[in-house]
Amino acid sequence: MTLQNKLQQSAGPLAFSKSWPLFEKDRHFELGSLLSCAVTDAAPPKSVGELGVSHAGCWECDLSDENRLFWSGGVYDIFGLPRDAKVARDDAVRFYAEHSRAAMERLRNHAIRHKQGFTLDAEIRPAIGEARWMRLIGAPVCEEGKAVRLHGIKLII
């Protein structure tokens, strides 16, 4: 079965992905200014696997430190993990459906190489609960012309 057939048969939203220049960052992160990670961290769901209040969270990946991840509580909720879990990037990408993982890796590599932001609607299979779709918005943080971190927002759609 082709990827296009799989996407057409999916119960989720139509797949969406886009790369964008960093000067458009404010426009793409507007939603992030409405969603405070401090709020999602302060209001955890009743049990692991349930979604938090806003169904969103902030994330960061340190490219200079073996792709070490930093997640707000909302991201743990989206992936159905306890908020104190230690998650390596290699483990986190396994939660993505294959077609979404491949698209995410392409956009991520493009973002790092060309210093551009990206947006992707991705299907994930959380540790607890049903498969779901989330929007992944990310952008590189550059120092001396080199991408050293990626950061962004993940939200349920």
Protein backbone atom coordinates (compact mmCIF):
# COMPACT_ATOMS: atom_id res chain seq x y z
CA MET A 1 0.00 0.00 0.00
CA THR A 2 1.37 3.40 -0.95
CA LEU A 3 1.82 6.22 1.51
CA GLN A 4 -0.86 8.23 -0.27
CA ASN A 5 -3.36 5.35 0.13
CA LYS A 6 -2.48 5.04 3.82
CA LEU A 7 -3.04 8.76 4.33
CA GLN A 8 -6.36 8.63 2.51
CA GLN A 9 -7.52 5.72 4.66
CA SER A 10 -6.44 7.36 7.92
CA ALA A 11 -9.17 8.54 10.26
CA GLY A 12 -7.10 11.61 11.13
CA PRO A 13 -6.70 14.97 9.41
CA LEU A 14 -5.04 15.37 6.05
CA ALA A 15 -1.29 15.30 6.40
CA PHE A 16 0.26 18.76 6.29
CA SER A 17 3.87 19.80 6.25
CA LYS A 18 5.66 23.00 5.44
CA SER A 19 9.09 24.51 5.75
CA TRP A 20 9.34 28.25 6.39
CA PRO A 21 12.08 30.89 6.79
CA LEU A 22 13.06 31.94 10.30
CA PHE A 23 11.95 35.54 9.76
CA GLU A 24 8.36 34.12 9.78
CA LYS A 25 8.92 32.54 13.21
CA ASP A 26 6.64 34.94 15.11
CA ARG A 27 3.74 34.13 12.81
CA HIS A 28 4.13 30.38 13.25
CA PHE A 29 4.66 30.53 17.01
CA GLU A 30 1.67 32.80 17.75
CA LEU A 31 -0.19 29.85 19.26
CA GLY A 32 2.76 29.23 21.54
CA SER A 33 2.38 32.66 23.08
CA LEU A 34 -1.19 31.74 24.02
CA LEU A 35 -0.19 28.43 25.58
CA SER A 36 2.03 28.83 28.58
CA CYS A 37 4.10 25.74 29.33
CA ALA A 38 4.01 26.78 32.98
CA VAL A 39 0.22 26.36 32.90
CA THR A 40 0.39 22.87 31.35
CA ASP A 41 3.03 21.83 33.88
CA ALA A 42 0.99 23.12 36.81
CA ALA A 43 -2.20 21.33 35.74
CA PRO A 44 -1.33 17.68 35.04
CA PRO A 45 -4.03 15.22 33.95
CA LYS A 46 -5.56 12.91 36.55
CA SER A 47 -3.63 9.91 35.25
CA VAL A 48 -0.82 9.06 32.85
CA GLY A 49 -2.11 8.74 29.31
CA GLU A 50 -4.80 11.40 29.64
CA LEU A 51 -4.30 14.74 27.98
CA GLY A 52 -3.54 17.85 29.99
CA VAL A 53 -5.66 20.98 30.09
CA SER A 54 -4.41 22.59 26.88
CA HIS A 55 -3.40 19.48 24.91
CA ALA A 56 -0.12 21.19 24.02
CA GLY A 57 3.43 21.55 25.21
CA CYS A 58 6.83 23.01 24.47
CA TRP A 59 9.90 21.03 23.47
CA GLU A 60 13.57 21.50 22.77
CA CYS A 61 16.27 19.26 21.29
CA ASP A 62 19.92 20.10 22.03
CA LEU A 63 21.82 19.24 18.84
CA SER A 64 25.21 19.65 20.53
CA ASP A 65 24.42 17.24 23.37
CA GLU A 66 23.48 13.96 21.66
CA ASN A 67 20.03 15.30 20.74
CA ARG A 68 19.02 15.56 24.38
CA LEU A 69 15.31 16.36 24.74
CA PHE A 70 13.63 18.83 27.08
CA TRP A 71 9.84 18.57 27.27
CA SER A 72 7.19 20.49 29.15
CA GLY A 73 4.48 18.48 30.90
CA GLY A 74 2.08 18.84 27.98
CA VAL A 75 4.41 16.94 25.63
CA TYR A 76 4.65 14.04 28.09
CA ASP A 77 0.83 14.02 28.17
CA ILE A 78 0.57 13.94 24.38
CA PHE A 79 2.88 10.90 24.22
CA GLY A 80 1.14 9.15 27.13
CA LEU A 81 4.22 9.14 29.34
CA PRO A 82 4.74 10.00 33.01
CA ARG A 83 6.00 13.54 33.33
CA ASP A 84 9.18 12.43 35.09
CA ALA A 85 10.15 9.86 32.40
CA LYS A 86 13.60 10.10 30.86
CA VAL A 87 13.09 10.04 27.09
CA ALA A 88 15.91 9.77 24.57
CA ARG A 89 15.24 11.09 21.07
CA ASP A 90 15.63 7.61 19.55
CA ASP A 91 12.84 6.41 21.86
CA ALA A 92 10.61 9.43 21.16
CA VAL A 93 10.67 9.01 17.38
CA ARG A 94 9.37 5.45 17.75
CA PHE A 95 6.00 6.90 18.82
CA TYR A 96 5.52 8.39 15.33
CA ALA A 97 3.67 6.36 12.69
CA GLU A 98 6.17 5.37 9.98
CA HIS A 99 4.91 7.86 7.36
CA SER A 100 4.95 10.70 9.91
CA ARG A 101 8.38 9.71 11.23
CA ALA A 102 9.85 9.83 7.71
CA ALA A 103 8.29 13.25 7.02
CA MET A 104 9.42 14.59 10.40
CA GLU A 105 13.01 13.44 9.86
CA ARG A 106 13.11 15.06 6.39
CA LEU A 107 11.76 18.37 7.73
CA ARG A 108 14.04 18.24 10.76
CA ASN A 109 17.15 17.67 8.64
CA HIS A 110 16.07 20.43 6.24
CA ALA A 111 15.50 22.81 9.17
CA ILE A 112 18.96 22.16 10.58
CA ARG A 113 20.73 22.32 7.22
CA HIS A 114 18.92 25.40 5.85
CA LYS A 115 18.11 27.14 9.15
CA GLN A 116 14.37 27.12 8.49
CA GLY A 117 11.35 26.40 10.64
CA PHE A 118 8.78 23.71 9.90
CA THR A 119 5.24 22.63 10.59
CA LEU A 120 4.02 19.05 10.34
CA ASP A 121 0.78 17.27 11.17
CA ALA A 122 1.99 13.89 12.44
CA GLU A 123 0.26 10.70 13.48
CA ILE A 124 1.59 9.30 16.73
CA ARG A 125 0.93 6.18 18.74
CA PRO A 126 1.32 7.18 22.39
CA ALA A 127 2.51 4.80 25.09
CA ILE A 128 -1.03 4.76 26.51
CA GLY A 129 -4.20 5.43 24.54
CA GLU A 130 -5.31 5.53 20.94
CA ALA A 131 -3.35 6.78 17.95
CA ARG A 132 -3.76 10.54 17.57
CA TRP A 133 -2.68 13.43 15.39
CA MET A 134 -0.57 16.32 16.61
CA ARG A 135 0.82 19.43 15.00
CA LEU A 136 4.57 19.76 15.39
CA ILE A 137 5.93 23.29 14.96
CA GLY A 138 9.68 23.73 15.21
CA ALA A 139 12.54 26.06 14.41
CA PRO A 140 16.29 26.01 14.87
CA VAL A 141 18.10 28.18 17.38
CA CYS A 142 21.29 29.37 15.72
CA GLU A 143 24.54 30.53 17.26
CA GLU A 144 27.32 31.92 15.09
CA GLY A 145 25.45 30.79 11.98
CA LYS A 146 25.04 27.19 13.12
CA ALA A 147 21.88 25.43 14.33
CA VAL A 148 22.59 24.30 17.90
CA ARG A 149 19.05 23.50 19.10
CA LEU A 150 15.60 22.89 17.74
CA HIS A 151 12.62 24.10 19.74
CA GLY A 152 8.91 24.42 19.30
CA ILE A 153 5.39 23.40 20.19
CA LYS A 154 3.44 20.15 19.92
CA LEU A 155 -0.34 20.24 20.10
CA ILE A 156 -3.20 17.83 19.58
CA ILE A 157 -5.29 18.58 16.47
